[in-house]
C-alpha atoms as a PDB file:
ATOM      1  CA  MET A   1      22.138   2.317  13.257  1.00  0.00           C
ATOM      2  CA  ALA A   2      23.035   6.010  12.994  1.00  0.00           C
ATOM      3  CA  SER A   3      20.828   8.610  11.323  1.00  0.00           C
ATOM      4  CA  SER A   4      21.869  10.559   8.272  1.00  0.00           C
ATOM      5  CA  GLY A   5      23.315  14.028   8.644  1.00  0.00           C
ATOM      6  CA  SER A   6      23.390  14.980   4.973  1.00  0.00           C
ATOM      7  CA  GLY A   7      20.336  17.222   5.239  1.00  0.00           C
ATOM      8  CA  LEU A   8      18.708  15.732   2.145  1.00  0.00           C
ATOM      9  CA  THR A   9      14.921  15.523   1.922  1.00  0.00           C
ATOM     10  CA  PHE A  10      13.619  12.312   0.412  1.00  0.00           C
ATOM     11  CA  LYS A  11      10.222  11.978  -1.249  1.00  0.00           C
ATOM     12  CA  LEU A  12       9.120   8.454  -2.121  1.00  0.00           C
ATOM     13  CA  HIS A  13       6.298   7.746  -4.567  1.00  0.00           C
ATOM     14  CA  PRO A  14       3.930   4.785  -4.005  1.00  0.00           C
ATOM     15  CA  LEU A  15       4.762   3.357  -7.443  1.00  0.00           C
ATOM     16  CA  VAL A  16       8.221   2.426  -6.167  1.00  0.00           C
ATOM     17  CA  ILE A  17       6.783   0.474  -3.221  1.00  0.00           C
ATOM     18  CA  VAL A  18       4.269  -1.281  -5.488  1.00  0.00           C
ATOM     19  CA  ASN A  19       7.011  -2.226  -7.971  1.00  0.00           C
ATOM     20  CA  ILE A  20       9.271  -3.678  -5.269  1.00  0.00           C
ATOM     21  CA  SER A  21       6.403  -5.601  -3.697  1.00  0.00           C
ATOM     22  CA  ASP A  22       5.321  -6.966  -7.076  1.00  0.00           C
ATOM     23  CA  HIS A  23       8.914  -7.960  -7.907  1.00  0.00           C
ATOM     24  CA  TYR A  24       9.268  -9.831  -4.613  1.00  0.00           C
ATOM     25  CA  THR A  25       5.877 -11.548  -4.932  1.00  0.00           C
ATOM     26  CA  ARG A  26       6.623 -12.822  -8.439  1.00  0.00           C
ATOM     27  CA  VAL A  27      10.056 -14.162  -7.499  1.00  0.00           C
ATOM     28  CA  LYS A  28       8.714 -15.843  -4.374  1.00  0.00           C
ATOM     29  CA  SER A  29       5.822 -17.421  -6.311  1.00  0.00           C
ATOM     30  CA  GLN A  30       8.236 -18.796  -8.905  1.00  0.00           C
ATOM     31  CA  MET A  31      10.453 -20.286  -6.208  1.00  0.00           C
ATOM     32  CA  ASN A  32       7.529 -21.814  -4.272  1.00  0.00           C
ATOM     33  CA  PRO A  33       4.815 -22.745  -6.805  1.00  0.00           C
ATOM     34  CA  PRO A  34       1.511 -23.857  -5.280  1.00  0.00           C
ATOM     35  CA  SER A  35       0.943 -27.606  -5.174  1.00  0.00           C
ATOM     36  CA  LEU A  36      -1.718 -28.921  -7.569  1.00  0.00           C
ATOM     37  CA  SER A  37      -2.003 -32.289  -5.868  1.00  0.00           C
ATOM     38  CA  SER A  38      -5.505 -33.249  -4.813  1.00  0.00           C
ATOM     39  CA  SER A  39      -4.222 -35.038  -1.741  1.00  0.00           C
ATOM     40  CA  SER A  40      -2.869 -31.970  -0.042  1.00  0.00           C
ATOM     41  CA  PRO A  41      -2.527 -32.118   3.731  1.00  0.00           C
ATOM     42  CA  SER A  42      -5.034 -30.387   5.926  1.00  0.00           C
ATOM     43  CA  PRO A  43      -4.208 -27.095   7.687  1.00  0.00           C
ATOM     44  CA  CYS A  44      -4.148 -28.959  11.015  1.00  0.00           C
ATOM     45  CA  ALA A  45      -1.574 -31.419   9.681  1.00  0.00           C
ATOM     46  CA  LEU A  46       0.524 -28.561   8.348  1.00  0.00           C
ATOM     47  CA  SER A  47       0.319 -26.774  11.672  1.00  0.00           C
ATOM     48  CA  ASN A  48       1.308 -29.894  13.609  1.00  0.00           C
ATOM     49  CA  GLY A  49       4.175 -30.555  11.214  1.00  0.00           C
ATOM     50  CA  ALA A  50       5.402 -26.993  11.588  1.00  0.00           C
ATOM     51  CA  ASP A  51       5.288 -27.290  15.386  1.00  0.00           C
ATOM     52  CA  VAL A  52       7.272 -30.538  15.312  1.00  0.00           C
ATOM     53  CA  ALA A  53       9.837 -29.096  12.937  1.00  0.00           C
ATOM     54  CA  ALA A  54      10.144 -25.922  15.012  1.00  0.00           C
ATOM     55  CA  SER A  55      10.651 -27.925  18.210  1.00  0.00           C
ATOM     56  CA  ALA A  56      13.350 -29.949  16.453  1.00  0.00           C
ATOM     57  CA  GLY A  57      15.110 -26.796  15.285  1.00  0.00           C
ATOM     58  CA  LEU A  58      14.330 -27.444  11.619  1.00  0.00           C
ATOM     59  CA  SER A  59      13.197 -24.878   9.051  1.00  0.00           C
ATOM     60  CA  THR A  60       9.788 -25.634   7.524  1.00  0.00           C
ATOM     61  CA  SER A  61      10.121 -23.187   4.610  1.00  0.00           C
ATOM     62  CA  PRO A  62      12.951 -22.071   2.351  1.00  0.00           C
ATOM     63  CA  PRO A  63      14.558 -18.701   3.092  1.00  0.00           C
ATOM     64  CA  ALA A  64      12.807 -15.683   1.680  1.00  0.00           C
ATOM     65  CA  PRO A  65      14.276 -14.551  -1.644  1.00  0.00           C
ATOM     66  CA  ARG A  66      15.889 -11.166  -2.123  1.00  0.00           C
ATOM     67  CA  VAL A  67      15.213  -9.041  -5.175  1.00  0.00           C
ATOM     68  CA  TYR A  68      17.260  -6.187  -6.549  1.00  0.00           C
ATOM     69  CA  GLY A  69      16.673  -3.203  -8.779  1.00  0.00           C
ATOM     70  CA  CYS A  70      17.381   0.468  -9.378  1.00  0.00           C
ATOM     71  CA  VAL A  71      15.369   3.472  -8.253  1.00  0.00           C
ATOM     72  CA  VAL A  72      15.091   6.482 -10.545  1.00  0.00           C
ATOM     73  CA  GLY A  73      13.935  10.037 -10.068  1.00  0.00           C
ATOM     74  CA  VAL A  74      15.199  13.590  -9.875  1.00  0.00           C
ATOM     75  CA  GLN A  75      17.213  15.669  -7.439  1.00  0.00           C
ATOM     76  CA  LYS A  76      16.557  19.384  -7.131  1.00  0.00           C
ATOM     77  CA  GLY A  77      18.906  21.003  -4.673  1.00  0.00           C
ATOM     78  CA  ARG A  78      18.572  19.196  -1.354  1.00  0.00           C
ATOM     79  CA  THR A  79      15.361  17.411  -2.340  1.00  0.00           C
ATOM     80  CA  VAL A  80      15.528  13.889  -3.777  1.00  0.00           C
ATOM     81  CA  GLU A  81      12.298  12.602  -5.302  1.00  0.00           C
ATOM     82  CA  ILE A  82      12.118   8.889  -6.182  1.00  0.00           C
ATOM     83  CA  PHE A  83       9.504   8.332  -8.895  1.00  0.00           C
ATOM     84  CA  ASN A  84       9.990   4.831 -10.280  1.00  0.00           C
ATOM     85  CA  SER A  85      12.151   1.708 -10.324  1.00  0.00           C
ATOM     86  CA  PHE A  86      13.189  -1.168 -12.563  1.00  0.00           C
ATOM     87  CA  GLU A  87      14.484  -4.660 -11.882  1.00  0.00           C
ATOM     88  CA  LEU A  88      18.080  -5.880 -12.095  1.00  0.00           C
ATOM     89  CA  LEU A  89      19.768  -9.246 -12.457  1.00  0.00           C
ATOM     90  CA  TYR A  90      21.838 -10.345  -9.454  1.00  0.00           C
ATOM     91  CA  ASP A  91      24.465 -13.066  -9.169  1.00  0.00           C
ATOM     92  CA  PRO A  92      24.368 -14.477  -5.602  1.00  0.00           C
ATOM     93  CA  LYS A  93      27.712 -16.252  -6.047  1.00  0.00           C
ATOM     94  CA  THR A  94      29.713 -13.124  -6.796  1.00  0.00           C
ATOM     95  CA  HIS A  95      27.379 -10.732  -4.914  1.00  0.00           C
ATOM     96  CA  SER A  96      27.323  -8.458  -7.957  1.00  0.00           C
ATOM     97  CA  LEU A  97      24.846  -7.107 -10.477  1.00  0.00           C
ATOM     98  CA  ASP A  98      24.762  -7.866 -14.178  1.00  0.00           C
ATOM     99  CA  ARG A  99      26.477  -4.751 -15.443  1.00  0.00           C
ATOM    100  CA  THR A 100      25.567  -5.265 -19.101  1.00  0.00           C
ATOM    101  CA  PHE A 101      21.901  -5.669 -18.213  1.00  0.00           C
ATOM    102  CA  LEU A 102      22.027  -2.548 -16.035  1.00  0.00           C
ATOM    103  CA  GLU A 103      23.558  -0.394 -18.785  1.00  0.00           C
ATOM    104  CA  LYS A 104      21.009  -1.656 -21.316  1.00  0.00           C
ATOM    105  CA  LYS A 105      18.097  -0.895 -18.991  1.00  0.00           C
ATOM    106  CA  GLN A 106      19.533   2.530 -18.243  1.00  0.00           C
ATOM    107  CA  GLU A 107      19.836   3.313 -21.943  1.00  0.00           C
ATOM    108  CA  LEU A 108      16.243   2.241 -22.645  1.00  0.00           C
ATOM    109  CA  TYR A 109      14.910   4.141 -19.641  1.00  0.00           C
ATOM    110  CA  LYS A 110      16.644   7.374 -20.685  1.00  0.00           C
ATOM    111  CA  LYS A 111      14.860   7.224 -24.037  1.00  0.00           C
ATOM    112  CA  VAL A 112      11.448   7.151 -22.363  1.00  0.00           C
ATOM    113  CA  PHE A 113      12.216   9.368 -19.335  1.00  0.00           C
ATOM    114  CA  PRO A 114      15.121  11.643 -20.289  1.00  0.00           C
ATOM    115  CA  HIS A 115      14.787  13.753 -17.130  1.00  0.00           C
ATOM    116  CA  PHE A 116      15.047  10.822 -14.711  1.00  0.00           C
ATOM    117  CA  TYR A 117      18.369   9.617 -13.332  1.00  0.00           C
ATOM    118  CA  ILE A 118      19.440   6.562 -11.399  1.00  0.00           C
ATOM    119  CA  LEU A 119      19.391   7.646  -7.760  1.00  0.00           C
ATOM    120  CA  GLY A 120      20.331   4.311  -6.216  1.00  0.00           C
ATOM    121  CA  TRP A 121      19.004   0.807  -5.822  1.00  0.00           C
ATOM    122  CA  TYR A 122      16.524  -1.275  -3.861  1.00  0.00           C
ATOM    123  CA  SER A 123      16.341  -4.675  -2.237  1.00  0.00           C
ATOM    124  CA  THR A 124      14.244  -6.658   0.220  1.00  0.00           C
ATOM    125  CA  GLY A 125      15.075  -7.839   3.716  1.00  0.00           C
ATOM    126  CA  SER A 126      14.688  -6.988   7.357  1.00  0.00           C
ATOM    127  CA  ASP A 127      17.931  -5.026   7.605  1.00  0.00           C
ATOM    128  CA  ALA A 128      20.929  -3.957   5.537  1.00  0.00           C
ATOM    129  CA  MET A 129      23.598  -6.664   5.171  1.00  0.00           C
ATOM    130  CA  GLU A 130      27.362  -6.473   4.712  1.00  0.00           C
ATOM    131  CA  SER A 131      27.104  -7.823   1.164  1.00  0.00           C
ATOM    132  CA  ASP A 132      24.820  -4.899   0.295  1.00  0.00           C
ATOM    133  CA  MET A 133      27.759  -2.530   0.563  1.00  0.00           C
ATOM    134  CA  HIS A 134      29.452  -4.269  -2.402  1.00  0.00           C
ATOM    135  CA  ILE A 135      26.448  -3.503  -4.606  1.00  0.00           C
ATOM    136  CA  HIS A 136      26.299   0.007  -3.204  1.00  0.00           C
ATOM    137  CA  LYS A 137      29.931   0.704  -4.084  1.00  0.00           C
ATOM    138  CA  ALA A 138      29.487  -0.781  -7.559  1.00  0.00           C
ATOM    139  CA  LEU A 139      26.815   1.844  -8.339  1.00  0.00           C
ATOM    140  CA  MET A 140      28.947   4.804  -7.261  1.00  0.00           C
ATOM    141  CA  ASP A 141      30.317   5.260 -10.777  1.00  0.00           C
ATOM    142  CA  ILE A 142      26.717   5.968 -11.902  1.00  0.00           C
ATOM    143  CA  ASN A 143      25.757   8.058  -8.881  1.00  0.00           C
ATOM    144  CA  GLU A 144      28.485   9.151  -6.507  1.00  0.00           C
ATOM    145  CA  SER A 145      26.061   9.114  -3.566  1.00  0.00           C
ATOM    146  CA  PRO A 146      23.425   6.435  -4.262  1.00  0.00           C
ATOM    147  CA  VAL A 147      20.466   5.787  -1.979  1.00  0.00           C
ATOM    148  CA  TYR A 148      19.420   2.350  -0.805  1.00  0.00           C
ATOM    149  CA  VAL A 149      15.692   1.598  -0.495  1.00  0.00           C
ATOM    150  CA  LEU A 150      14.991  -1.487   1.614  1.00  0.00           C
ATOM    151  CA  LEU A 151      11.554  -3.125   1.790  1.00  0.00           C
ATOM    152  CA  ASP A 152      10.845  -5.584   4.600  1.00  0.00           C
ATOM    153  CA  PRO A 153       8.421  -8.205   3.163  1.00  0.00           C
ATOM    154  CA  SER A 154       7.704  -9.850   6.504  1.00  0.00           C
ATOM    155  CA  ILE A 155       4.203  -9.296   7.890  1.00  0.00           C
ATOM    156  CA  ASN A 156       3.972  -7.462  11.194  1.00  0.00           C
ATOM    157  CA  HIS A 157       0.381  -6.598  12.133  1.00  0.00           C
ATOM    158  CA  ALA A 158       1.543  -4.487  15.081  1.00  0.00           C
ATOM    159  CA  GLN A 159       3.610  -2.214  12.846  1.00  0.00           C
ATOM    160  CA  LYS A 160       1.839   0.959  11.771  1.00  0.00           C
ATOM    161  CA  ASP A 161       4.577   2.548   9.663  1.00  0.00           C
ATOM    162  CA  LEU A 162       5.477   1.456   6.159  1.00  0.00           C
ATOM    163  CA  PRO A 163       8.090  -1.352   6.122  1.00  0.00           C
ATOM    164  CA  VAL A 164      10.359   0.750   3.947  1.00  0.00           C
ATOM    165  CA  THR A 165      13.721   2.194   4.977  1.00  0.00           C
ATOM    166  CA  ILE A 166      15.952   4.546   3.004  1.00  0.00           C
ATOM    167  CA  TYR A 167      19.685   4.400   3.641  1.00  0.00           C
ATOM    168  CA  GLU A 168      22.499   6.712   2.679  1.00  0.00           C
ATOM    169  CA  SER A 169      26.193   5.918   2.859  1.00  0.00           C
ATOM    170  CA  GLU A 170      28.595   7.968   4.951  1.00  0.00           C
ATOM    171  CA  LEU A 171      32.320   7.687   5.506  1.00  0.00           C
ATOM    172  CA  HIS A 172      33.090   7.041   9.187  1.00  0.00           C
ATOM    173  CA  LEU A 173      36.311   6.301  11.023  1.00  0.00           C
ATOM    174  CA  ILE A 174      36.063   2.844  12.618  1.00  0.00           C
ATOM    175  CA  GLU A 175      39.131   1.878  14.660  1.00  0.00           C
ATOM    176  CA  GLY A 176      41.137   4.461  12.737  1.00  0.00           C
ATOM    177  CA  ILE A 177      40.135   3.060   9.346  1.00  0.00           C
ATOM    178  CA  PRO A 178      37.755   5.059   7.081  1.00  0.00           C
ATOM    179  CA  GLN A 179      34.799   2.876   6.112  1.00  0.00           C
ATOM    180  CA  LEU A 180      31.491   3.396   4.359  1.00  0.00           C
ATOM    181  CA  ILE A 181      28.466   2.527   6.483  1.00  0.00           C
ATOM    182  CA  PHE A 182      24.720   2.728   5.949  1.00  0.00           C
ATOM    183  CA  VAL A 183      22.789   5.407   7.847  1.00  0.00           C
ATOM    184  CA  ARG A 184      19.030   5.774   7.996  1.00  0.00           C
ATOM    185  CA  SER A 185      17.296   8.713   6.353  1.00  0.00           C
ATOM    186  CA  SER A 186      13.785   9.985   6.911  1.00  0.00           C
ATOM    187  CA  TYR A 187      11.368  10.290   4.016  1.00  0.00           C
ATOM    188  CA  THR A 188       7.844  11.326   3.138  1.00  0.00           C
ATOM    189  CA  ILE A 189       5.335   9.777   0.747  1.00  0.00           C
ATOM    190  CA  GLU A 190       4.655  11.968  -2.272  1.00  0.00           C
ATOM    191  CA  THR A 191       1.800  11.213  -4.672  1.00  0.00           C
ATOM    192  CA  VAL A 192       0.358  12.632  -7.863  1.00  0.00           C
ATOM    193  CA  GLU A 193      -3.252  12.349  -8.999  1.00  0.00           C
ATOM    194  CA  ALA A 194      -2.663   9.294 -11.199  1.00  0.00           C
ATOM    195  CA  GLU A 195      -0.936   7.454  -8.344  1.00  0.00           C
ATOM    196  CA  ARG A 196      -3.728   8.245  -5.897  1.00  0.00           C
ATOM    197  CA  ILE A 197      -6.301   6.837  -8.319  1.00  0.00           C
ATOM    198  CA  SER A 198      -4.212   3.710  -8.953  1.00  0.00           C
ATOM    199  CA  VAL A 199      -3.541   3.047  -5.275  1.00  0.00           C
ATOM    200  CA  ASP A 200      -7.228   3.526  -4.455  1.00  0.00           C
ATOM    201  CA  HIS A 201      -8.144   1.102  -7.249  1.00  0.00           C
ATOM    202  CA  VAL A 202      -5.697  -1.516  -5.965  1.00  0.00           C
ATOM    203  CA  ALA A 203      -6.994  -1.084  -2.417  1.00  0.00           C
ATOM    204  CA  HIS A 204     -10.562  -1.801  -3.561  1.00  0.00           C
ATOM    205  CA  LEU A 205      -9.821  -4.795  -5.775  1.00  0.00           C
ATOM    206  CA  LYS A 206     -11.968  -7.858  -5.092  1.00  0.00           C
ATOM    207  CA  PRO A 207     -10.004 -10.374  -3.000  1.00  0.00           C
ATOM    208  CA  SER A 208      -8.839 -13.492  -4.810  1.00  0.00           C
ATOM    209  CA  ASP A 209     -10.167 -15.788  -2.082  1.00  0.00           C
ATOM    210  CA  GLY A 210     -13.734 -15.278  -3.231  1.00  0.00           C
ATOM    211  CA  GLY A 211     -14.651 -12.422  -0.923  1.00  0.00           C
ATOM    212  CA  SER A 212     -18.144 -11.107  -1.519  1.00  0.00           C
ATOM    213  CA  ALA A 213     -19.262  -7.568  -2.193  1.00  0.00           C
ATOM    214  CA  ALA A 214     -20.522  -7.396   1.401  1.00  0.00           C
ATOM    215  CA  THR A 215     -17.000  -8.133   2.621  1.00  0.00           C
ATOM    216  CA  GLN A 216     -15.629  -5.326   0.478  1.00  0.00           C
ATOM    217  CA  LEU A 217     -18.323  -2.962   1.734  1.00  0.00           C
ATOM    218  CA  ALA A 218     -17.530  -3.880   5.335  1.00  0.00           C
ATOM    219  CA  ALA A 219     -13.828  -3.243   4.742  1.00  0.00           C
ATOM    220  CA  HIS A 220     -14.618   0.087   3.074  1.00  0.00           C
ATOM    221  CA  LEU A 221     -16.874   1.170   5.939  1.00  0.00           C
ATOM    222  CA  ALA A 222     -14.243   0.058   8.450  1.00  0.00           C
ATOM    223  CA  GLY A 223     -11.708   2.276   6.690  1.00  0.00           C
ATOM    224  CA  ILE A 224     -14.089   5.235   6.783  1.00  0.00           C
ATOM    225  CA  HIS A 225     -14.794   4.585  10.477  1.00  0.00           C
ATOM    226  CA  SER A 226     -11.071   4.510  11.243  1.00  0.00           C
ATOM    227  CA  ALA A 227     -10.557   7.784   9.374  1.00  0.00           C
ATOM    228  CA  ILE A 228     -13.410   9.494  11.230  1.00  0.00           C
ATOM    229  CA  LYS A 229     -12.144   8.122  14.543  1.00  0.00           C
ATOM    230  CA  MET A 230      -8.657   9.475  13.852  1.00  0.00           C
ATOM    231  CA  LEU A 231     -10.106  12.863  12.839  1.00  0.00           C
ATOM    232  CA  ASN A 232     -12.137  12.981  16.047  1.00  0.00           C
ATOM    233  CA  SER A 233      -9.102  12.169  18.190  1.00  0.00           C
ATOM    234  CA  ARG A 234      -7.022  14.868  16.496  1.00  0.00           C
ATOM    235  CA  ILE A 235      -9.772  17.440  16.973  1.00  0.00           C
ATOM    236  CA  ARG A 236      -9.932  16.535  20.672  1.00  0.00           C
ATOM    237  CA  ILE A 237      -6.160  16.936  20.976  1.00  0.00           C
ATOM    238  CA  LEU A 238      -6.318  20.324  19.267  1.00  0.00           C
ATOM    239  CA  HIS A 239      -9.228  21.390  21.494  1.00  0.00           C
ATOM    240  CA  SER A 240      -7.348  20.393  24.648  1.00  0.00           C
ATOM    241  CA  TYR A 241      -4.261  22.223  23.414  1.00  0.00           C
ATOM    242  CA  LEU A 242      -6.240  25.409  22.764  1.00  0.00           C
ATOM    243  CA  LEU A 243      -7.884  25.212  26.190  1.00  0.00           C
ATOM    244  CA  ALA A 244      -4.489  24.861  27.846  1.00  0.00           C
ATOM    245  CA  MET A 245      -3.260  27.827  25.831  1.00  0.00           C
ATOM    246  CA  GLN A 246      -6.297  29.884  26.862  1.00  0.00           C
ATOM    247  CA  ASN A 247      -5.807  29.018  30.541  1.00  0.00           C
ATOM    248  CA  GLY A 248      -2.166  30.044  30.359  1.00  0.00           C
ATOM    249  CA  ASP A 249      -0.778  26.584  31.031  1.00  0.00           C
ATOM    250  CA  ILE A 250       1.332  26.722  27.864  1.00  0.00           C
ATOM    251  CA  PRO A 251       2.689  29.726  25.926  1.00  0.00           C
ATOM    252  CA  LEU A 252       0.792  31.165  22.979  1.00  0.00           C
ATOM    253  CA  GLU A 253       1.782  30.115  19.467  1.00  0.00           C
ATOM    254  CA  ASN A 254       0.559  32.669  16.978  1.00  0.00           C
ATOM    255  CA  SER A 255       1.373  30.542  13.951  1.00  0.00           C
ATOM    256  CA  LEU A 256      -0.804  27.707  15.263  1.00  0.00           C
ATOM    257  CA  LEU A 257      -3.626  30.090  16.139  1.00  0.00           C
ATOM    258  CA  ARG A 258      -3.552  31.509  12.605  1.00  0.00           C
ATOM    259  CA  GLN A 259      -3.852  27.999  11.161  1.00  0.00           C
ATOM    260  CA  VAL A 260      -6.767  27.174  13.456  1.00  0.00           C
ATOM    261  CA  SER A 261      -8.467  30.450  12.590  1.00  0.00           C
ATOM    262  CA  SER A 262      -8.038  29.742   8.875  1.00  0.00           C
ATOM    263  CA  LEU A 263      -9.557  26.317   9.362  1.00  0.00           C
ATOM    264  CA  LEU A 264     -12.523  27.641  11.322  1.00  0.00           C
ATOM    265  CA  ARG A 265     -13.302  30.238   8.637  1.00  0.00           C
ATOM    266  CA  ARG A 266     -14.204  27.400   6.304  1.00  0.00           C
ATOM    267  CA  LEU A 267     -16.916  26.066   8.607  1.00  0.00           C
ATOM    268  CA  PRO A 268     -19.600  28.743   7.889  1.00  0.00           C
ATOM    269  CA  VAL A 269     -19.490  27.728   4.222  1.00  0.00           C
ATOM    270  CA  ILE A 270     -20.802  24.302   5.217  1.00  0.00           C
ATOM    271  CA  GLU A 271     -23.692  25.931   7.135  1.00  0.00           C
ATOM    272  CA  SER A 272     -24.850  28.045   4.205  1.00  0.00           C
ATOM    273  CA  GLU A 273     -28.321  27.820   2.693  1.00  0.00           C
ATOM    274  CA  LYS A 274     -26.920  26.604  -0.620  1.00  0.00           C
ATOM    275  CA  PHE A 275     -25.102  23.742   1.085  1.00  0.00           C
ATOM    276  CA  ARG A 276     -28.293  22.605   2.840  1.00  0.00           C
ATOM    277  CA  ASP A 277     -30.245  22.726  -0.431  1.00  0.00           C
ATOM    278  CA  ASP A 278     -27.561  20.786  -2.286  1.00  0.00           C
ATOM    279  CA  PHE A 279     -27.313  18.265   0.528  1.00  0.00           C
ATOM    280  CA  LEU A 280     -31.078  17.682   0.630  1.00  0.00           C
ATOM    281  CA  THR A 281     -31.190  17.347  -3.154  1.00  0.00           C
ATOM    282  CA  GLU A 282     -28.384  14.802  -3.092  1.00  0.00           C
ATOM    283  CA  TYR A 283     -30.019  12.958  -0.208  1.00  0.00           C
ATOM    284  CA  THR A 284     -33.436  12.740  -1.878  1.00  0.00           C
ATOM    285  CA  ASP A 285     -31.851  11.608  -5.157  1.00  0.00           C
ATOM    286  CA  THR A 286     -29.976   8.869  -3.338  1.00  0.00           C
ATOM    287  CA  MET A 287     -33.083   7.697  -1.503  1.00  0.00           C
ATOM    288  CA  LEU A 288     -35.072   7.764  -4.752  1.00  0.00           C
ATOM    289  CA  ILE A 289     -32.489   5.571  -6.465  1.00  0.00           C
ATOM    290  CA  THR A 290     -32.545   3.198  -3.491  1.00  0.00           C
ATOM    291  CA  TYR A 291     -36.340   2.911  -3.593  1.00  0.00           C
ATOM    292  CA  LEU A 292     -36.239   2.428  -7.365  1.00  0.00           C
ATOM    293  CA  ALA A 293     -33.708  -0.389  -6.996  1.00  0.00           C
ATOM    294  CA  MET A 294     -35.873  -2.080  -4.347  1.00  0.00           C
ATOM    295  CA  SER A 295     -38.974  -1.746  -6.540  1.00  0.00           C
ATOM    296  CA  THR A 296     -37.091  -3.215  -9.494  1.00  0.00           C
ATOM    297  CA  ASN A 297     -35.949  -6.176  -7.416  1.00  0.00           C
ATOM    298  CA  CYS A 298     -39.481  -6.785  -6.156  1.00  0.00           C
ATOM    299  CA  SER A 299     -40.888  -6.587  -9.682  1.00  0.00           C
ATOM    300  CA  SER A 300     -38.251  -8.991 -10.954  1.00  0.00           C
ATOM    301  CA  ALA A 301     -38.994 -11.462  -8.165  1.00  0.00           C
ATOM    302  CA  MET A 302     -42.732 -11.154  -8.843  1.00  0.00           C
ATOM    303  CA  ASN A 303     -42.215 -11.795 -12.581  1.00  0.00           C
ATOM    304  CA  GLU A 304     -40.166 -14.903 -11.852  1.00  0.00           C
ATOM    305  CA  LEU A 305     -42.896 -16.180  -9.510  1.00  0.00           C
ATOM    306  CA  ILE A 306     -45.627 -15.556 -12.113  1.00  0.00           C
ATOM    307  CA  GLU A 307     -43.616 -17.310 -14.827  1.00  0.00           C
ATOM    308  CA  LYS A 308     -43.085 -20.348 -12.614  1.00  0.00           C
ATOM    309  CA  PHE A 309     -46.815 -20.388 -11.766  1.00  0.00           C
ATOM    310  CA  ASN A 310     -47.758 -20.206 -15.474  1.00  0.00           C
ATOM    311  CA  ILE A 311     -45.380 -23.035 -16.350  1.00  0.00           C
ATOM    312  CA  ALA A 312     -46.803 -25.224 -13.592  1.00  0.00           C
ATOM    313  CA  TYR A 313     -50.376 -24.342 -14.613  1.00  0.00           C
ATOM    314  CA  ASP A 314     -49.738 -25.168 -18.280  1.00  0.00           C
ATOM    315  CA  ARG A 315     -48.236 -28.555 -17.419  1.00  0.00           C
ATOM    316  CA  HIS A 316     -51.164 -29.350 -15.174  1.00  0.00           C
ATOM    317  CA  SER A 317     -53.696 -28.313 -17.849  1.00  0.00           C
ATOM    318  CA  ARG A 318     -52.061 -30.516 -20.476  1.00  0.00           C
ATOM    319  CA  ARG A 319     -52.371 -33.537 -18.202  1.00  0.00           C
ATOM    320  CA  GLY A 320     -56.082 -32.854 -17.736  1.00  0.00           C
ATOM    321  CA  GLY A 321     -55.772 -32.505 -14.036  1.00  0.00           C
ATOM    322  CA  ARG A 322     -57.639 -30.258 -11.698  1.00  0.00           C
ATOM    323  CA  THR A 323     -56.105 -27.851  -9.217  1.00  0.00           C
ATOM    324  CA  VAL A 324     -57.960 -26.843  -6.116  1.00  0.00           C
ATOM    325  CA  PHE A 325     -56.879 -23.573  -4.421  1.00  0.00           C
ATOM    326  CA  ILE A 326     -57.553 -23.199  -0.738  1.00  0.00           C
END
């Protein structure tokens, strides 16, 4: 698929991705409710059944649902910033949206966010389909050049980029006939402070499968390790690049050298006497809290042991027995 040549800069906020994902998850859960039967088949039986069905050319699960909605935001010059989204009703028989519902949602949204406008629409799927162009054209009376945000809900562990694609529509001549086609557009993720806090909170939620705090801590430490590893690799790349520049293997780039120099000027601040004092103070406070927590746990365990010993001693005394300690 061709790339866009409009020159627009797209900025996508995480709230839009979260909304689309939540919309898809709810619709899929409603279509495929979990079975409450106690005699559910074992995972091995399910796996064997799936293999048999796959070998026979049969589908073991219903097709993934598609969800639809509008994306809203602002456009300033050549920059389009997508802030939020809301859901829409879709008729699969006519391949059209509920226009009355759309106008009502637009009216309500303008009362709350008067500066936001409908920039386009969103859906889910692996790629844009021919029927999507009908919806796209239907929204051109609201926005003459709507954008199409597509979220791929399929899980691909090898994929490192976000499964989100933004399309624009361009008029191309195909076999002498002018036709609108979808073209890909690049985008960047833009966040505000509230979104960063919310996304971080969602990322650290306790898993629903009963994961322990140790599991969460391991995942958190693994994330920190990955970040440090990436930082180390980028520093090595920058160091190699500077060495090649110093040896004359590549031409000098003054703009890059100025950025590196500005970055290096911040390092002496970390080596100051005040930083060492603050670091040691923070370190000793943390160790003190750790020792206090360990002492509290030991005291609590000792109190429980003494209480159990007293209860056992009282019962034994009431029976008139005699305890011999060795």
